[in-house]
Structures are given as C-alpha cells and as structure tokens.
Amino acid sequence: IKQYIDSHWWKLAEESFRPPETLPEVKAVIRELLPRALGDANSKIRSGAAHAISAIAMWDWPEEWPDLFTTLMMHLTQGTQDSLQGSMCVLLEVTNNVDDKQMPQVFLF
C-alpha cells in the first residue's frame, strides 16, 4: 500500500506521482481504516500500516487528517501492546519526515 500511496496519493508529488490520483472519497476510507492495522498481531502488518500512515501524513496532516494524532494517542494510552508498538513506529517515522510547516502542530501533542 505504501507504493500505491507514493505513486497515486498526491499529484503534486512530482518525482513519484503516476496518474490517476486517488479520489478524495477513497482517501477518506483509507485514512479511517488504516490505523486499525496498527493493532494487528502480525508485526509485518503493523509495520506496513505504520509506513503507509506516515507517508499519508506527509501530504494530508494536519489539514486533511486532523485527528491522526488523536487516534495515535488513543492507541498509545488505551490500546494493546501491539497497537502501542504500531503507533510508536508511526510517530518515529512522522517526526523524521515532518516539515517546518507541520512542526507547530507536532508540539500541540
């Protein structure tokens, strides 16, 4: 899914984009469902979900995915050991990829 996101998520990603761009309705469904995989018992699924979420966050957070960090915090504080590990993986990747425009939002959490 990360390859799909890298290729089709955002048409302004000049170096990696290939048409067609993902429809907004499909993006919304993916953003809703993908965090559920952070709690999967299979570490490869958790890791893949974390990579995909961080790739989407680079383009969609905070404007298109304002509740991302709220969802991650829920996994960290109320989830299982697996969801805790998956959420930590997302946070690690996001902090490595966050840009200066997004940095003030990170400090709110």
C-alpha atoms as a PDB file:
ATOM      1  CA  ILE A   1       0.000   0.000   0.000  1.00  0.00           C
ATOM      2  CA  LYS A   2       2.926   2.349   0.629  1.00  0.00           C
ATOM      3  CA  GLN A   3       3.977   2.019  -3.016  1.00  0.00           C
ATOM      4  CA  TYR A   4       0.428   2.877  -4.074  1.00  0.00           C
ATOM      5  CA  ILE A   5       0.424   5.904  -1.759  1.00  0.00           C
ATOM      6  CA  ASP A   6       3.811   7.076  -3.055  1.00  0.00           C
ATOM      7  CA  SER A   7       2.620   6.787  -6.662  1.00  0.00           C
ATOM      8  CA  HIS A   8      -1.021   7.889  -6.586  1.00  0.00           C
ATOM      9  CA  TRP A   9      -1.818   9.833  -3.420  1.00  0.00           C
ATOM     10  CA  TRP A  10      -0.907  13.393  -4.349  1.00  0.00           C
ATOM     11  CA  LYS A  11      -0.435  14.779  -7.852  1.00  0.00           C
ATOM     12  CA  LEU A  12       1.938  17.461  -6.559  1.00  0.00           C
ATOM     13  CA  ALA A  13       4.496  14.780  -5.666  1.00  0.00           C
ATOM     14  CA  GLU A  14       6.279  15.422  -8.935  1.00  0.00           C
ATOM     15  CA  GLU A  15       9.088  12.888  -8.665  1.00  0.00           C
ATOM     16  CA  SER A  16       6.957   9.894  -7.700  1.00  0.00           C
ATOM     17  CA  PHE A  17       3.391  10.598  -8.887  1.00  0.00           C
ATOM     18  CA  ARG A  18       1.769   8.483 -11.582  1.00  0.00           C
ATOM     19  CA  PRO A  19      -1.866   9.002 -12.619  1.00  0.00           C
ATOM     20  CA  PRO A  20      -4.533   8.502 -11.559  1.00  0.00           C
ATOM     21  CA  GLU A  21      -4.656  10.434  -8.306  1.00  0.00           C
ATOM     22  CA  THR A  22      -6.610   8.698  -5.535  1.00  0.00           C
ATOM     23  CA  LEU A  23     -10.149  10.026  -5.211  1.00  0.00           C
ATOM     24  CA  PRO A  24     -10.927  12.034  -2.041  1.00  0.00           C
ATOM     25  CA  GLU A  25     -13.615   9.532  -1.005  1.00  0.00           C
ATOM     26  CA  VAL A  26     -11.155   6.655  -1.261  1.00  0.00           C
ATOM     27  CA  LYS A  27      -8.536   8.615   0.675  1.00  0.00           C
ATOM     28  CA  ALA A  28     -11.041   9.170   3.478  1.00  0.00           C
ATOM     29  CA  VAL A  29     -11.805   5.442   3.716  1.00  0.00           C
ATOM     30  CA  ILE A  30      -8.102   4.547   3.752  1.00  0.00           C
ATOM     31  CA  ARG A  31      -7.398   7.137   6.471  1.00  0.00           C
ATOM     32  CA  GLU A  32     -10.244   5.685   8.524  1.00  0.00           C
ATOM     33  CA  LEU A  33      -9.295   2.017   8.149  1.00  0.00           C
ATOM     34  CA  LEU A  34      -5.507   2.040   8.090  1.00  0.00           C
ATOM     35  CA  PRO A  35      -4.937   2.890  11.789  1.00  0.00           C
ATOM     36  CA  ARG A  36      -6.833  -0.272  12.744  1.00  0.00           C
ATOM     37  CA  ALA A  37      -3.950  -2.304  11.325  1.00  0.00           C
ATOM     38  CA  LEU A  38      -1.597  -0.773  13.907  1.00  0.00           C
ATOM     39  CA  GLY A  39      -3.004  -3.214  16.452  1.00  0.00           C
ATOM     40  CA  ASP A  40      -2.571  -6.326  14.310  1.00  0.00           C
ATOM     41  CA  ALA A  41      -0.792  -9.262  15.942  1.00  0.00           C
ATOM     42  CA  ASN A  42       1.447  -9.633  12.866  1.00  0.00           C
ATOM     43  CA  SER A  43       4.395  -7.249  13.159  1.00  0.00           C
ATOM     44  CA  LYS A  44       4.788  -7.021   9.369  1.00  0.00           C
ATOM     45  CA  ILE A  45       1.214  -5.758   9.019  1.00  0.00           C
ATOM     46  CA  ARG A  46       1.760  -3.233  11.828  1.00  0.00           C
ATOM     47  CA  SER A  47       4.983  -2.062  10.237  1.00  0.00           C
ATOM     48  CA  GLY A  48       3.405  -1.759   6.785  1.00  0.00           C
ATOM     49  CA  ALA A  49       0.492   0.197   8.217  1.00  0.00           C
ATOM     50  CA  ALA A  50       2.878   2.495  10.089  1.00  0.00           C
ATOM     51  CA  HIS A  51       4.860   3.186   6.910  1.00  0.00           C
ATOM     52  CA  ALA A  52       1.677   3.861   4.947  1.00  0.00           C
ATOM     53  CA  ILE A  53       0.251   6.159   7.638  1.00  0.00           C
ATOM     54  CA  SER A  54       3.454   8.173   7.832  1.00  0.00           C
ATOM     55  CA  ALA A  55       3.518   8.514   4.023  1.00  0.00           C
ATOM     56  CA  ILE A  56      -0.075   9.766   4.011  1.00  0.00           C
ATOM     57  CA  ALA A  57       0.612  12.097   6.935  1.00  0.00           C
ATOM     58  CA  MET A  58       3.347  13.798   4.940  1.00  0.00           C
ATOM     59  CA  TRP A  59       0.670  15.025   2.497  1.00  0.00           C
ATOM     60  CA  ASP A  60      -2.587  15.062   4.481  1.00  0.00           C
ATOM     61  CA  TRP A  61      -1.752  16.051   8.049  1.00  0.00           C
ATOM     62  CA  PRO A  62      -2.999  18.275   9.584  1.00  0.00           C
ATOM     63  CA  GLU A  63      -5.414  19.724   7.008  1.00  0.00           C
ATOM     64  CA  GLU A  64      -6.958  16.544   5.597  1.00  0.00           C
ATOM     65  CA  TRP A  65      -6.285  14.246   8.576  1.00  0.00           C
ATOM     66  CA  PRO A  66      -6.676  16.433  11.676  1.00  0.00           C
ATOM     67  CA  ASP A  67      -7.496  13.534  14.014  1.00  0.00           C
ATOM     68  CA  LEU A  68      -4.397  11.469  13.167  1.00  0.00           C
ATOM     69  CA  PHE A  69      -2.536  12.249  16.373  1.00  0.00           C
ATOM     70  CA  THR A  70      -5.668  11.845  18.480  1.00  0.00           C
ATOM     71  CA  THR A  71      -6.063   8.360  17.012  1.00  0.00           C
ATOM     72  CA  LEU A  72      -2.403   7.549  17.653  1.00  0.00           C
ATOM     73  CA  MET A  73      -2.665   8.785  21.235  1.00  0.00           C
ATOM     74  CA  MET A  74      -5.678   6.545  21.767  1.00  0.00           C
ATOM     75  CA  HIS A  75      -3.623   3.571  20.601  1.00  0.00           C
ATOM     76  CA  LEU A  76      -0.785   4.601  22.903  1.00  0.00           C
ATOM     77  CA  THR A  77      -2.876   5.074  26.020  1.00  0.00           C
ATOM     78  CA  GLN A  78      -5.767   2.644  25.637  1.00  0.00           C
ATOM     79  CA  GLY A  79      -4.624   0.055  23.137  1.00  0.00           C
ATOM     80  CA  THR A  80      -2.878  -3.265  23.259  1.00  0.00           C
ATOM     81  CA  GLN A  81       0.869  -3.829  23.284  1.00  0.00           C
ATOM     82  CA  ASP A  82       0.681  -4.339  19.517  1.00  0.00           C
ATOM     83  CA  SER A  83      -1.170  -1.065  18.883  1.00  0.00           C
ATOM     84  CA  LEU A  84       1.264   0.752  21.174  1.00  0.00           C
ATOM     85  CA  GLN A  85       4.182  -0.557  19.150  1.00  0.00           C
ATOM     86  CA  GLY A  86       2.472   0.277  15.843  1.00  0.00           C
ATOM     87  CA  SER A  87       1.679   3.827  16.952  1.00  0.00           C
ATOM     88  CA  MET A  88       5.218   4.387  18.178  1.00  0.00           C
ATOM     89  CA  CYS A  89       6.506   3.320  14.778  1.00  0.00           C
ATOM     90  CA  VAL A  90       4.246   5.908  13.102  1.00  0.00           C
ATOM     91  CA  LEU A  91       5.370   8.646  15.471  1.00  0.00           C
ATOM     92  CA  LEU A  92       9.023   7.842  14.867  1.00  0.00           C
ATOM     93  CA  GLU A  93       8.603   7.982  11.100  1.00  0.00           C
ATOM     94  CA  VAL A  94       6.444  11.101  11.147  1.00  0.00           C
ATOM     95  CA  THR A  95       8.923  13.025  13.282  1.00  0.00           C
ATOM     96  CA  ASN A  96      11.691  12.109  10.862  1.00  0.00           C
ATOM     97  CA  ASN A  97       9.641  13.382   7.907  1.00  0.00           C
ATOM     98  CA  VAL A  98       7.797  16.390   9.350  1.00  0.00           C
ATOM     99  CA  ASP A  99       8.408  19.721   7.643  1.00  0.00           C
ATOM    100  CA  ASP A 100       8.661  23.182   9.166  1.00  0.00           C
ATOM    101  CA  LYS A 101       5.019  23.964   8.292  1.00  0.00           C
ATOM    102  CA  GLN A 102       3.824  20.965  10.305  1.00  0.00           C
ATOM    103  CA  MET A 103       6.205  21.322  13.271  1.00  0.00           C
ATOM    104  CA  PRO A 104       3.947  23.645  15.344  1.00  0.00           C
ATOM    105  CA  GLN A 105       1.189  21.006  15.119  1.00  0.00           C
ATOM    106  CA  VAL A 106       3.542  18.349  16.488  1.00  0.00           C
ATOM    107  CA  PHE A 107       4.214  20.421  19.583  1.00  0.00           C
ATOM    108  CA  LEU A 108       0.492  20.592  20.334  1.00  0.00           C
ATOM    109  CA  PHE A 109       0.605  16.861  21.054  1.00  0.00           C
END
